[in-house]
Amino acid sequence: MRVLLTGGSGFIGSHIALLLLERGFDVLILDSYVNSSSNVINRIKAYLDKKDLNYKLKSINGDIRDKKLLDNIFIDSIKEKKPIDTVIHLAGLKSVSESFSNPLHYWDVNVIGTLNLLLTMKEYKCYSLVFSSSATIYGLSNSVPMAEDHKISPINPYGKTKVAIENMIYDLYNSNINVWKICSLRYFNPVGAHPSGLIGEDPIGIPNNLFPYLTQVAIGRQKSLNIYGNDWDTDDGSGIRDYIHIIDLAEGHLASIDYLNSKESCLEFVNLGSGKGYSVFQIIRQFELSTGCKIPFSIESRRDGDVAKSYADISKAKKLLAWTPKRSLEQICLDGWNWQLKNPYGFQ
């Protein structure tokens, strides 16, 4: 099978690409490198070459808003007699704070870009799609665990673009229910790194998320970790979130492809998380225990839009996709630290 992987050089995309290639898929990566590095492709090739695997990987530098480019990708695949069977769509902007300051850009890239992609897929009769959605769409709620029928109520422009795309694919599916096969995966918090240390999370600027900030503190790039509130209604006062190892998340995408291949037509919305909630203080303690690093931190005021608890109900993923996360919080810490130690300044 040939898979078009948009955003395939990013943190999530690179790990999915590696697993696809290991399993023998023919992979086309389309990435604008706005939030990623082209060095990722060389890292993936180096890993596969070392394992002496025969793989098929092509990378294309481009933007999903470029309709002509998308047309050419599909046309070239047909000319090669290797039409694209499935699209895994990850490309898009993902900073919650940036989406507040520049919402139109987020609607343009995320929503218009996806519209372009879906129009192209329809034109060239590629009807199988795995979409990268987000738990951000659930909004403010302490009702846990969150199942897929939880109220959809995003509180930021980023989350609103994900809802708009889910509505778009819902309408698309219902316009011809005998044709489309779509799985929309709602991620919680992907963390960790590939065990090899060759690929991992490399945020641009100061990290917005807990784990990359924590590992940068451990290696000395940041002075201390900010904890936003220690008076939440939790056992230790810090916020609780669902953290899933990036390899478990990537395996969820392969399981989704297997599921789509088993169906004539379907539309599913599925949570991907660990199904467990860990507090910030639990994360710090486990990281210190696993790595031997001491993490200095400071307590800051609560941030607007935060909640005490948020973690996934993953029973649907287990049943529908025959998938379950396998890696522990200790493994997340060890793999994340291994990546940071081997790449103190990311892919630079």
C-alpha atoms as a PDB file:
ATOM      1  CA  MET A   1       0.000   0.000   0.000  1.00  0.00           C
ATOM      2  CA  ARG A   2       1.057   3.566  -0.707  1.00  0.00           C
ATOM      3  CA  VAL A   3       0.284   6.050   2.050  1.00  0.00           C
ATOM      4  CA  LEU A   4       0.385   9.829   1.747  1.00  0.00           C
ATOM      5  CA  LEU A   5       1.459  11.179   5.139  1.00  0.00           C
ATOM      6  CA  THR A   6       0.900  14.928   5.427  1.00  0.00           C
ATOM      7  CA  GLY A   7       2.978  16.553   8.149  1.00  0.00           C
ATOM      8  CA  GLY A   8       5.131  13.443   8.159  1.00  0.00           C
ATOM      9  CA  SER A   9       8.295  15.183   9.374  1.00  0.00           C
ATOM     10  CA  GLY A  10       6.798  16.409  12.633  1.00  0.00           C
ATOM     11  CA  PHE A  11       7.004  14.771  16.041  1.00  0.00           C
ATOM     12  CA  ILE A  12       3.998  12.517  15.531  1.00  0.00           C
ATOM     13  CA  GLY A  13       4.388  12.093  11.774  1.00  0.00           C
ATOM     14  CA  SER A  14       8.013  10.953  11.899  1.00  0.00           C
ATOM     15  CA  HIS A  15       7.203   8.135  14.312  1.00  0.00           C
ATOM     16  CA  ILE A  16       4.228   7.036  12.219  1.00  0.00           C
ATOM     17  CA  ALA A  17       6.417   7.131   9.083  1.00  0.00           C
ATOM     18  CA  LEU A  18       9.047   4.918  10.700  1.00  0.00           C
ATOM     19  CA  LEU A  19       6.501   2.291  11.755  1.00  0.00           C
ATOM     20  CA  LEU A  20       4.820   2.339   8.328  1.00  0.00           C
ATOM     21  CA  LEU A  21       8.155   1.813   6.575  1.00  0.00           C
ATOM     22  CA  GLU A  22       9.156  -0.982   8.957  1.00  0.00           C
ATOM     23  CA  ARG A  23       5.915  -2.724   8.088  1.00  0.00           C
ATOM     24  CA  GLY A  24       6.533  -2.426   4.357  1.00  0.00           C
ATOM     25  CA  PHE A  25       4.288   0.458   3.367  1.00  0.00           C
ATOM     26  CA  ASP A  26       5.284   2.756   0.501  1.00  0.00           C
ATOM     27  CA  VAL A  27       5.312   6.212   2.137  1.00  0.00           C
ATOM     28  CA  LEU A  28       5.037   9.680   0.598  1.00  0.00           C
ATOM     29  CA  ILE A  29       5.708  12.451   3.115  1.00  0.00           C
ATOM     30  CA  LEU A  30       4.366  15.932   2.371  1.00  0.00           C
ATOM     31  CA  ASP A  31       5.607  18.607   4.753  1.00  0.00           C
ATOM     32  CA  SER A  32       6.156  22.370   4.631  1.00  0.00           C
ATOM     33  CA  TYR A  33       8.767  22.185   7.448  1.00  0.00           C
ATOM     34  CA  VAL A  34       7.155  25.172   9.173  1.00  0.00           C
ATOM     35  CA  ASN A  35       7.152  23.269  12.477  1.00  0.00           C
ATOM     36  CA  SER A  36       9.609  20.493  11.684  1.00  0.00           C
ATOM     37  CA  SER A  37      13.056  19.759  10.271  1.00  0.00           C
ATOM     38  CA  SER A  38      14.049  18.156   6.984  1.00  0.00           C
ATOM     39  CA  ASN A  39      16.802  16.399   8.965  1.00  0.00           C
ATOM     40  CA  VAL A  40      14.090  14.028  10.204  1.00  0.00           C
ATOM     41  CA  ILE A  41      14.007  12.296   6.812  1.00  0.00           C
ATOM     42  CA  ASN A  42      17.745  11.573   6.969  1.00  0.00           C
ATOM     43  CA  ARG A  43      17.376  10.231  10.513  1.00  0.00           C
ATOM     44  CA  ILE A  44      14.598   7.851   9.409  1.00  0.00           C
ATOM     45  CA  LYS A  45      16.662   6.636   6.452  1.00  0.00           C
ATOM     46  CA  ALA A  46      19.732   6.137   8.639  1.00  0.00           C
ATOM     47  CA  TYR A  47      17.743   4.020  11.093  1.00  0.00           C
ATOM     48  CA  LEU A  48      16.230   1.845   8.359  1.00  0.00           C
ATOM     49  CA  ASP A  49      19.551   1.498   6.529  1.00  0.00           C
ATOM     50  CA  LYS A  50      21.197   0.301   9.725  1.00  0.00           C
ATOM     51  CA  LYS A  51      18.509  -2.386  10.016  1.00  0.00           C
ATOM     52  CA  ASP A  52      19.175  -3.287   6.363  1.00  0.00           C
ATOM     53  CA  LEU A  53      15.505  -2.842   5.458  1.00  0.00           C
ATOM     54  CA  ASN A  54      14.314  -2.408   1.901  1.00  0.00           C
ATOM     55  CA  TYR A  55      11.972   0.576   2.154  1.00  0.00           C
ATOM     56  CA  LYS A  56      10.118   2.995  -0.120  1.00  0.00           C
ATOM     57  CA  LEU A  57      10.149   6.586   1.108  1.00  0.00           C
ATOM     58  CA  LYS A  58       9.753   9.840  -0.790  1.00  0.00           C
ATOM     59  CA  SER A  59       9.569  13.296   0.801  1.00  0.00           C
ATOM     60  CA  ILE A  60       7.985  16.351  -0.808  1.00  0.00           C
ATOM     61  CA  ASN A  61       8.431  19.917   0.449  1.00  0.00           C
ATOM     62  CA  GLY A  62       5.084  21.647   0.096  1.00  0.00           C
ATOM     63  CA  ASP A  63       1.922  23.059   1.612  1.00  0.00           C
ATOM     64  CA  ILE A  64      -1.491  21.365   1.717  1.00  0.00           C
ATOM     65  CA  ARG A  65      -3.038  24.681   0.643  1.00  0.00           C
ATOM     66  CA  ASP A  66      -1.303  24.286  -2.728  1.00  0.00           C
ATOM     67  CA  LYS A  67      -4.005  22.499  -4.746  1.00  0.00           C
ATOM     68  CA  LYS A  68      -1.825  22.172  -7.837  1.00  0.00           C
ATOM     69  CA  LEU A  69       0.869  20.421  -5.813  1.00  0.00           C
ATOM     70  CA  LEU A  70      -1.680  18.000  -4.346  1.00  0.00           C
ATOM     71  CA  ASP A  71      -3.007  17.271  -7.843  1.00  0.00           C
ATOM     72  CA  ASN A  72       0.502  16.521  -9.083  1.00  0.00           C
ATOM     73  CA  ILE A  73       1.215  14.162  -6.161  1.00  0.00           C
ATOM     74  CA  PHE A  74      -1.855  12.072  -6.952  1.00  0.00           C
ATOM     75  CA  ILE A  75      -1.325  12.236 -10.744  1.00  0.00           C
ATOM     76  CA  ASP A  76       2.318  11.182 -10.449  1.00  0.00           C
ATOM     77  CA  SER A  77       1.344   8.239  -8.246  1.00  0.00           C
ATOM     78  CA  ILE A  78      -1.197   7.100 -10.814  1.00  0.00           C
ATOM     79  CA  LYS A  79       1.375   7.447 -13.613  1.00  0.00           C
ATOM     80  CA  GLU A  80       3.774   5.295 -11.587  1.00  0.00           C
ATOM     81  CA  LYS A  81       0.969   2.727 -11.285  1.00  0.00           C
ATOM     82  CA  LYS A  82       1.208   3.130  -7.501  1.00  0.00           C
ATOM     83  CA  PRO A  83      -1.931   5.109  -6.656  1.00  0.00           C
ATOM     84  CA  ILE A  84      -2.296   6.449  -3.132  1.00  0.00           C
ATOM     85  CA  ASP A  85      -4.408   4.004  -1.125  1.00  0.00           C
ATOM     86  CA  THR A  86      -4.722   5.914   2.149  1.00  0.00           C
ATOM     87  CA  VAL A  87      -4.012   9.407   3.457  1.00  0.00           C
ATOM     88  CA  ILE A  88      -2.898  10.012   7.030  1.00  0.00           C
ATOM     89  CA  HIS A  89      -3.504  13.723   7.512  1.00  0.00           C
ATOM     90  CA  LEU A  90      -1.422  15.365  10.249  1.00  0.00           C
ATOM     91  CA  ALA A  91      -0.371  18.613   8.563  1.00  0.00           C
ATOM     92  CA  GLY A  92      -1.548  21.741  10.343  1.00  0.00           C
ATOM     93  CA  LEU A  93      -0.800  24.329  13.003  1.00  0.00           C
ATOM     94  CA  LYS A  94      -1.164  23.274  16.636  1.00  0.00           C
ATOM     95  CA  SER A  95      -0.222  26.045  19.096  1.00  0.00           C
ATOM     96  CA  VAL A  96      -3.203  26.986  21.274  1.00  0.00           C
ATOM     97  CA  SER A  97      -1.699  30.358  22.265  1.00  0.00           C
ATOM     98  CA  GLU A  98      -0.747  31.240  18.687  1.00  0.00           C
ATOM     99  CA  SER A  99      -4.257  30.360  17.511  1.00  0.00           C
ATOM    100  CA  PHE A 100      -5.610  33.163  19.727  1.00  0.00           C
ATOM    101  CA  SER A 101      -3.235  35.764  18.294  1.00  0.00           C
ATOM    102  CA  ASN A 102      -3.582  34.652  14.655  1.00  0.00           C
ATOM    103  CA  PRO A 103      -6.889  32.783  14.278  1.00  0.00           C
ATOM    104  CA  LEU A 104      -7.369  33.438  10.555  1.00  0.00           C
ATOM    105  CA  HIS A 105      -4.035  31.797   9.796  1.00  0.00           C
ATOM    106  CA  TYR A 106      -5.176  28.706  11.711  1.00  0.00           C
ATOM    107  CA  TRP A 107      -8.468  28.571   9.819  1.00  0.00           C
ATOM    108  CA  ASP A 108      -6.582  28.986   6.553  1.00  0.00           C
ATOM    109  CA  VAL A 109      -3.939  26.306   7.133  1.00  0.00           C
ATOM    110  CA  ASN A 110      -5.981  23.765   9.095  1.00  0.00           C
ATOM    111  CA  VAL A 111      -9.438  24.056   7.546  1.00  0.00           C
ATOM    112  CA  ILE A 112      -8.792  25.337   4.010  1.00  0.00           C
ATOM    113  CA  GLY A 113      -5.760  23.053   3.744  1.00  0.00           C
ATOM    114  CA  THR A 114      -7.885  20.047   4.702  1.00  0.00           C
ATOM    115  CA  LEU A 115     -10.628  21.101   2.287  1.00  0.00           C
ATOM    116  CA  ASN A 116      -8.019  21.149  -0.506  1.00  0.00           C
ATOM    117  CA  LEU A 117      -6.844  17.696   0.474  1.00  0.00           C
ATOM    118  CA  LEU A 118     -10.349  16.207   0.595  1.00  0.00           C
ATOM    119  CA  LEU A 119     -11.244  17.734  -2.780  1.00  0.00           C
ATOM    120  CA  THR A 120      -8.119  16.179  -4.263  1.00  0.00           C
ATOM    121  CA  MET A 121      -8.769  12.787  -2.689  1.00  0.00           C
ATOM    122  CA  LYS A 122     -12.304  12.796  -4.055  1.00  0.00           C
ATOM    123  CA  GLU A 123     -11.120  13.824  -7.527  1.00  0.00           C
ATOM    124  CA  TYR A 124      -8.593  10.971  -7.719  1.00  0.00           C
ATOM    125  CA  LYS A 125     -10.826   8.410  -5.997  1.00  0.00           C
ATOM    126  CA  CYS A 126      -8.774   7.950  -2.846  1.00  0.00           C
ATOM    127  CA  TYR A 127     -11.428   7.382  -0.196  1.00  0.00           C
ATOM    128  CA  SER A 128      -9.476   6.159   2.837  1.00  0.00           C
ATOM    129  CA  LEU A 129      -8.474   8.741   5.464  1.00  0.00           C
ATOM    130  CA  VAL A 130      -6.977   8.761   8.958  1.00  0.00           C
ATOM    131  CA  PHE A 131      -7.287  12.268  10.407  1.00  0.00           C
ATOM    132  CA  SER A 132      -5.296  13.792  13.261  1.00  0.00           C
ATOM    133  CA  SER A 133      -7.838  15.364  15.602  1.00  0.00           C
ATOM    134  CA  SER A 134      -7.386  16.423  19.221  1.00  0.00           C
ATOM    135  CA  ALA A 135      -8.834  16.055  22.715  1.00  0.00           C
ATOM    136  CA  THR A 136      -8.806  19.869  22.740  1.00  0.00           C
ATOM    137  CA  ILE A 137     -12.246  19.685  21.144  1.00  0.00           C
ATOM    138  CA  TYR A 138     -13.745  18.533  24.474  1.00  0.00           C
ATOM    139  CA  GLY A 139     -13.113  21.916  26.085  1.00  0.00           C
ATOM    140  CA  LEU A 140     -13.412  22.618  29.806  1.00  0.00           C
ATOM    141  CA  SER A 141     -14.648  19.647  31.804  1.00  0.00           C
ATOM    142  CA  ASN A 142     -13.603  17.714  34.889  1.00  0.00           C
ATOM    143  CA  SER A 143     -15.804  14.804  33.857  1.00  0.00           C
ATOM    144  CA  VAL A 144     -13.350  11.917  33.444  1.00  0.00           C
ATOM    145  CA  PRO A 145     -12.591   9.672  31.766  1.00  0.00           C
ATOM    146  CA  MET A 146     -13.677  11.384  28.542  1.00  0.00           C
ATOM    147  CA  ALA A 147     -15.407   9.135  26.009  1.00  0.00           C
ATOM    148  CA  GLU A 148     -16.073  10.005  22.375  1.00  0.00           C
ATOM    149  CA  ASP A 149     -19.658  11.048  23.166  1.00  0.00           C
ATOM    150  CA  HIS A 150     -18.409  13.717  25.573  1.00  0.00           C
ATOM    151  CA  LYS A 151     -19.721  17.217  24.854  1.00  0.00           C
ATOM    152  CA  ILE A 152     -17.773  18.963  22.080  1.00  0.00           C
ATOM    153  CA  SER A 153     -17.026  22.492  23.295  1.00  0.00           C
ATOM    154  CA  PRO A 154     -13.580  23.843  22.316  1.00  0.00           C
ATOM    155  CA  ILE A 155     -12.428  27.053  23.992  1.00  0.00           C
ATOM    156  CA  ASN A 156      -9.678  28.109  21.572  1.00  0.00           C
ATOM    157  CA  PRO A 157      -9.412  28.699  17.803  1.00  0.00           C
ATOM    158  CA  TYR A 158      -7.115  25.687  17.367  1.00  0.00           C
ATOM    159  CA  GLY A 159      -9.711  23.347  18.854  1.00  0.00           C
ATOM    160  CA  LYS A 160     -12.442  25.015  16.817  1.00  0.00           C
ATOM    161  CA  THR A 161     -10.560  24.249  13.581  1.00  0.00           C
ATOM    162  CA  LYS A 162     -10.407  20.576  14.558  1.00  0.00           C
ATOM    163  CA  VAL A 163     -14.158  20.541  15.178  1.00  0.00           C
ATOM    164  CA  ALA A 164     -14.764  22.236  11.817  1.00  0.00           C
ATOM    165  CA  ILE A 165     -12.714  19.535  10.081  1.00  0.00           C
ATOM    166  CA  GLU A 166     -14.542  16.741  11.923  1.00  0.00           C
ATOM    167  CA  ASN A 167     -17.839  18.316  10.789  1.00  0.00           C
ATOM    168  CA  MET A 168     -16.505  18.508   7.240  1.00  0.00           C
ATOM    169  CA  ILE A 169     -15.563  14.840   7.103  1.00  0.00           C
ATOM    170  CA  TYR A 170     -18.873  13.901   8.744  1.00  0.00           C
ATOM    171  CA  ASP A 171     -20.758  15.706   5.959  1.00  0.00           C
ATOM    172  CA  LEU A 172     -18.450  14.243   3.324  1.00  0.00           C
ATOM    173  CA  TYR A 173     -19.011  10.707   4.583  1.00  0.00           C
ATOM    174  CA  ASN A 174     -22.784  11.149   4.671  1.00  0.00           C
ATOM    175  CA  SER A 175     -22.808  12.513   1.118  1.00  0.00           C
ATOM    176  CA  ASN A 176     -21.823   9.032  -0.057  1.00  0.00           C
ATOM    177  CA  ILE A 177     -21.812   6.496   2.763  1.00  0.00           C
ATOM    178  CA  ASN A 178     -20.966   3.610   0.456  1.00  0.00           C
ATOM    179  CA  VAL A 179     -17.572   5.029  -0.507  1.00  0.00           C
ATOM    180  CA  TRP A 180     -15.633   6.766   2.249  1.00  0.00           C
ATOM    181  CA  LYS A 181     -13.624   5.080   4.998  1.00  0.00           C
ATOM    182  CA  ILE A 182     -12.575   7.598   7.642  1.00  0.00           C
ATOM    183  CA  CYS A 183     -11.105   7.378  11.121  1.00  0.00           C
ATOM    184  CA  SER A 184     -10.657  10.601  13.113  1.00  0.00           C
ATOM    185  CA  LEU A 185      -8.244  10.079  16.006  1.00  0.00           C
ATOM    186  CA  ARG A 186      -8.561  12.393  18.992  1.00  0.00           C
ATOM    187  CA  TYR A 187      -5.107  12.598  20.596  1.00  0.00           C
ATOM    188  CA  PHE A 188      -4.493  13.353  24.222  1.00  0.00           C
ATOM    189  CA  ASN A 189      -0.808  14.154  25.060  1.00  0.00           C
ATOM    190  CA  PRO A 190       1.823  12.325  22.971  1.00  0.00           C
ATOM    191  CA  VAL A 191       5.192  12.222  24.750  1.00  0.00           C
ATOM    192  CA  GLY A 192       8.461  10.277  24.854  1.00  0.00           C
ATOM    193  CA  ALA A 193      10.526   9.431  21.784  1.00  0.00           C
ATOM    194  CA  HIS A 194      11.689   6.555  19.614  1.00  0.00           C
ATOM    195  CA  PRO A 195      13.879   4.196  21.723  1.00  0.00           C
ATOM    196  CA  SER A 196      16.798   4.700  19.312  1.00  0.00           C
ATOM    197  CA  GLY A 197      17.030   8.384  20.242  1.00  0.00           C
ATOM    198  CA  LEU A 198      17.204   9.289  16.531  1.00  0.00           C
ATOM    199  CA  ILE A 199      13.831  11.036  16.402  1.00  0.00           C
ATOM    200  CA  GLY A 200      11.826  12.839  19.067  1.00  0.00           C
ATOM    201  CA  GLU A 201      10.051  16.065  19.939  1.00  0.00           C
ATOM    202  CA  ASP A 202      11.923  19.225  18.927  1.00  0.00           C
ATOM    203  CA  PRO A 203       9.689  22.242  19.641  1.00  0.00           C
ATOM    204  CA  ILE A 204      10.579  25.593  18.121  1.00  0.00           C
ATOM    205  CA  GLY A 205      11.372  28.183  20.804  1.00  0.00           C
ATOM    206  CA  ILE A 206      10.255  27.709  24.417  1.00  0.00           C
ATOM    207  CA  PRO A 207       8.160  24.547  24.714  1.00  0.00           C
ATOM    208  CA  ASN A 208       4.434  24.903  25.391  1.00  0.00           C
ATOM    209  CA  ASN A 209       4.001  21.366  26.708  1.00  0.00           C
ATOM    210  CA  LEU A 210       5.134  19.753  29.948  1.00  0.00           C
ATOM    211  CA  PHE A 211       7.420  16.956  28.745  1.00  0.00           C
ATOM    212  CA  PRO A 212       9.713  18.801  26.317  1.00  0.00           C
ATOM    213  CA  TYR A 213       9.974  21.631  28.858  1.00  0.00           C
ATOM    214  CA  LEU A 214      10.868  19.137  31.586  1.00  0.00           C
ATOM    215  CA  THR A 215      13.609  17.460  29.520  1.00  0.00           C
ATOM    216  CA  GLN A 216      15.024  20.860  28.547  1.00  0.00           C
ATOM    217  CA  VAL A 217      15.206  21.774  32.239  1.00  0.00           C
ATOM    218  CA  ALA A 218      16.958  18.458  32.926  1.00  0.00           C
ATOM    219  CA  ILE A 219      19.605  19.150  30.288  1.00  0.00           C
ATOM    220  CA  GLY A 220      20.057  22.812  31.291  1.00  0.00           C
ATOM    221  CA  ARG A 221      18.361  24.632  28.398  1.00  0.00           C
ATOM    222  CA  GLN A 222      15.667  25.982  30.755  1.00  0.00           C
ATOM    223  CA  LYS A 223      16.236  27.078  34.355  1.00  0.00           C
ATOM    224  CA  SER A 224      13.182  25.585  36.008  1.00  0.00           C
ATOM    225  CA  LEU A 225       9.798  24.063  35.282  1.00  0.00           C
ATOM    226  CA  ASN A 226       6.718  26.223  35.776  1.00  0.00           C
ATOM    227  CA  ILE A 227       3.804  24.453  37.474  1.00  0.00           C
ATOM    228  CA  TYR A 228       0.551  26.298  36.946  1.00  0.00           C
ATOM    229  CA  GLY A 229      -1.322  25.865  40.199  1.00  0.00           C
ATOM    230  CA  ASN A 230      -0.810  23.531  43.172  1.00  0.00           C
ATOM    231  CA  ASP A 231      -4.313  23.977  44.570  1.00  0.00           C
ATOM    232  CA  TRP A 232      -6.335  21.944  42.075  1.00  0.00           C
ATOM    233  CA  ASP A 233      -8.896  19.435  43.339  1.00  0.00           C
ATOM    234  CA  THR A 234      -6.498  16.494  42.970  1.00  0.00           C
ATOM    235  CA  ASP A 235      -4.578  14.336  45.454  1.00  0.00           C
ATOM    236  CA  ASP A 236      -1.396  16.430  45.261  1.00  0.00           C
ATOM    237  CA  GLY A 237      -2.870  19.729  44.056  1.00  0.00           C
ATOM    238  CA  SER A 238      -1.348  19.652  40.564  1.00  0.00           C
ATOM    239  CA  GLY A 239      -3.259  19.156  37.330  1.00  0.00           C
ATOM    240  CA  ILE A 240      -3.848  15.656  35.964  1.00  0.00           C
ATOM    241  CA  ARG A 241      -3.475  14.826  32.266  1.00  0.00           C
ATOM    242  CA  ASP A 242      -3.331  11.796  29.977  1.00  0.00           C
ATOM    243  CA  TYR A 243       0.158  11.127  28.551  1.00  0.00           C
ATOM    244  CA  ILE A 244       0.639   8.498  25.851  1.00  0.00           C
ATOM    245  CA  HIS A 245       3.964   7.201  24.527  1.00  0.00           C
ATOM    246  CA  ILE A 246       4.495   8.387  20.961  1.00  0.00           C
ATOM    247  CA  ILE A 247       5.092   4.825  19.729  1.00  0.00           C
ATOM    248  CA  ASP A 248       1.775   3.701  21.212  1.00  0.00           C
ATOM    249  CA  LEU A 249       0.107   6.609  19.420  1.00  0.00           C
ATOM    250  CA  ALA A 250       1.844   5.744  16.140  1.00  0.00           C
ATOM    251  CA  GLU A 251       0.741   2.110  16.482  1.00  0.00           C
ATOM    252  CA  GLY A 252      -2.811   3.413  16.825  1.00  0.00           C
ATOM    253  CA  HIS A 253      -2.535   4.827  13.292  1.00  0.00           C
ATOM    254  CA  LEU A 254      -1.405   1.515  11.841  1.00  0.00           C
ATOM    255  CA  ALA A 255      -4.265  -0.189  13.663  1.00  0.00           C
ATOM    256  CA  SER A 256      -6.603   2.406  12.126  1.00  0.00           C
ATOM    257  CA  ILE A 257      -5.374   1.581   8.619  1.00  0.00           C
ATOM    258  CA  ASP A 258      -5.929  -2.115   9.298  1.00  0.00           C
ATOM    259  CA  TYR A 259      -9.440  -1.326  10.498  1.00  0.00           C
ATOM    260  CA  LEU A 260     -10.262   0.809   7.437  1.00  0.00           C
ATOM    261  CA  ASN A 261      -8.939  -1.926   5.131  1.00  0.00           C
ATOM    262  CA  SER A 262     -11.374  -4.369   6.733  1.00  0.00           C
ATOM    263  CA  LYS A 263     -14.395  -2.186   5.953  1.00  0.00           C
ATOM    264  CA  GLU A 264     -16.324  -1.302   2.823  1.00  0.00           C
ATOM    265  CA  SER A 265     -17.319   2.027   4.328  1.00  0.00           C
ATOM    266  CA  CYS A 266     -17.120   3.605   7.795  1.00  0.00           C
ATOM    267  CA  LEU A 267     -16.731   6.773   9.821  1.00  0.00           C
ATOM    268  CA  GLU A 268     -15.323   6.553  13.332  1.00  0.00           C
ATOM    269  CA  PHE A 269     -14.184   9.084  15.933  1.00  0.00           C
ATOM    270  CA  VAL A 270     -11.736   7.478  18.356  1.00  0.00           C
ATOM    271  CA  ASN A 271      -9.766   8.629  21.411  1.00  0.00           C
ATOM    272  CA  LEU A 272      -6.063   7.775  21.557  1.00  0.00           C
ATOM    273  CA  GLY A 273      -4.582   8.166  25.007  1.00  0.00           C
ATOM    274  CA  SER A 274      -3.145   6.051  27.789  1.00  0.00           C
ATOM    275  CA  GLY A 275      -6.499   5.914  29.547  1.00  0.00           C
ATOM    276  CA  LYS A 276      -4.722   7.021  32.747  1.00  0.00           C
ATOM    277  CA  GLY A 277      -4.307  10.360  34.469  1.00  0.00           C
ATOM    278  CA  TYR A 278      -0.950  11.508  35.844  1.00  0.00           C
ATOM    279  CA  SER A 279      -0.415  14.673  37.872  1.00  0.00           C
ATOM    280  CA  VAL A 280       2.434  17.091  37.186  1.00  0.00           C
ATOM    281  CA  PHE A 281       4.099  16.137  40.478  1.00  0.00           C
ATOM    282  CA  GLN A 282       3.793  12.426  39.576  1.00  0.00           C
ATOM    283  CA  ILE A 283       5.505  13.126  36.273  1.00  0.00           C
ATOM    284  CA  ILE A 284       8.349  14.999  37.976  1.00  0.00           C
ATOM    285  CA  ARG A 285       8.854  12.254  40.581  1.00  0.00           C
ATOM    286  CA  GLN A 286       8.869   9.490  37.956  1.00  0.00           C
ATOM    287  CA  PHE A 287      11.269  11.412  35.719  1.00  0.00           C
ATOM    288  CA  GLU A 288      13.664  12.033  38.611  1.00  0.00           C
ATOM    289  CA  LEU A 289      13.451   8.377  39.673  1.00  0.00           C
ATOM    290  CA  SER A 290      13.967   7.058  36.118  1.00  0.00           C
ATOM    291  CA  THR A 291      16.797   9.375  35.082  1.00  0.00           C
ATOM    292  CA  GLY A 292      18.495  10.508  38.282  1.00  0.00           C
ATOM    293  CA  CYS A 293      17.988  14.142  37.243  1.00  0.00           C
ATOM    294  CA  LYS A 294      16.739  16.697  39.750  1.00  0.00           C
ATOM    295  CA  ILE A 295      14.042  18.978  38.307  1.00  0.00           C
ATOM    296  CA  PRO A 296      13.809  22.454  39.863  1.00  0.00           C
ATOM    297  CA  PHE A 297      10.341  23.977  39.618  1.00  0.00           C
ATOM    298  CA  SER A 298       8.328  27.014  40.631  1.00  0.00           C
ATOM    299  CA  ILE A 299       4.619  27.328  41.363  1.00  0.00           C
ATOM    300  CA  GLU A 300       2.819  29.867  39.170  1.00  0.00           C
ATOM    301  CA  SER A 301      -0.774  31.065  39.005  1.00  0.00           C
ATOM    302  CA  ARG A 302      -3.340  28.900  37.268  1.00  0.00           C
ATOM    303  CA  ARG A 303      -3.712  29.529  33.545  1.00  0.00           C
ATOM    304  CA  ASP A 304      -7.014  30.478  31.984  1.00  0.00           C
ATOM    305  CA  GLY A 305      -8.627  27.489  30.312  1.00  0.00           C
ATOM    306  CA  ASP A 306      -6.982  24.825  32.490  1.00  0.00           C
ATOM    307  CA  VAL A 307      -8.943  22.141  34.325  1.00  0.00           C
ATOM    308  CA  ALA A 308      -8.057  19.882  37.242  1.00  0.00           C
ATOM    309  CA  LYS A 309      -8.346  16.572  35.400  1.00  0.00           C
ATOM    310  CA  SER A 310      -8.404  15.380  31.821  1.00  0.00           C
ATOM    311  CA  TYR A 311      -7.834  11.819  30.633  1.00  0.00           C
ATOM    312  CA  ALA A 312      -9.282   9.500  28.018  1.00  0.00           C
ATOM    313  CA  ASP A 313     -11.724   6.654  27.954  1.00  0.00           C
ATOM    314  CA  ILE A 314      -9.991   4.383  25.413  1.00  0.00           C
ATOM    315  CA  SER A 315     -12.423   1.465  25.491  1.00  0.00           C
ATOM    316  CA  LYS A 316     -13.594   2.228  21.942  1.00  0.00           C
ATOM    317  CA  ALA A 317     -10.029   2.139  20.557  1.00  0.00           C
ATOM    318  CA  LYS A 318      -9.385  -1.157  22.323  1.00  0.00           C
ATOM    319  CA  LYS A 319     -12.549  -2.750  20.954  1.00  0.00           C
ATOM    320  CA  LEU A 320     -12.712  -1.214  17.473  1.00  0.00           C
ATOM    321  CA  LEU A 321      -9.027  -1.104  16.533  1.00  0.00           C
ATOM    322  CA  ALA A 322      -7.803  -4.044  18.635  1.00  0.00           C
ATOM    323  CA  TRP A 323      -5.239  -1.574  19.980  1.00  0.00           C
ATOM    324  CA  THR A 324      -4.011  -0.905  23.472  1.00  0.00           C
ATOM    325  CA  PRO A 325      -1.132   1.252  24.767  1.00  0.00           C
ATOM    326  CA  LYS A 326       1.760  -0.888  25.994  1.00  0.00           C
ATOM    327  CA  ARG A 327       4.388   1.515  27.321  1.00  0.00           C
ATOM    328  CA  SER A 328       4.624   2.761  30.909  1.00  0.00           C
ATOM    329  CA  LEU A 329       5.251   6.215  32.320  1.00  0.00           C
ATOM    330  CA  GLU A 330       8.771   5.025  33.212  1.00  0.00           C
ATOM    331  CA  GLN A 331       9.391   4.117  29.557  1.00  0.00           C
ATOM    332  CA  ILE A 332       8.099   7.529  28.480  1.00  0.00           C
ATOM    333  CA  CYS A 333      10.598   9.202  30.811  1.00  0.00           C
ATOM    334  CA  LEU A 334      13.526   6.995  29.770  1.00  0.00           C
ATOM    335  CA  ASP A 335      12.901   7.387  26.029  1.00  0.00           C
ATOM    336  CA  GLY A 336      12.251  11.121  26.284  1.00  0.00           C
ATOM    337  CA  TRP A 337      15.464  11.624  28.251  1.00  0.00           C
ATOM    338  CA  ASN A 338      17.461   9.401  25.884  1.00  0.00           C
ATOM    339  CA  TRP A 339      16.328  11.599  22.960  1.00  0.00           C
ATOM    340  CA  GLN A 340      17.205  14.817  24.809  1.00  0.00           C
ATOM    341  CA  LEU A 341      20.635  13.528  25.907  1.00  0.00           C
ATOM    342  CA  LYS A 342      21.567  12.454  22.370  1.00  0.00           C
ATOM    343  CA  ASN A 343      20.103  15.623  20.834  1.00  0.00           C
ATOM    344  CA  PRO A 344      20.542  18.480  23.345  1.00  0.00           C
ATOM    345  CA  TYR A 345      19.530  20.996  20.675  1.00  0.00           C
ATOM    346  CA  GLY A 346      17.084  18.818  18.782  1.00  0.00           C
ATOM    347  CA  PHE A 347      17.715  18.302  15.075  1.00  0.00           C
ATOM    348  CA  GLN A 348      20.092  21.279  14.786  1.00  0.00           C
END
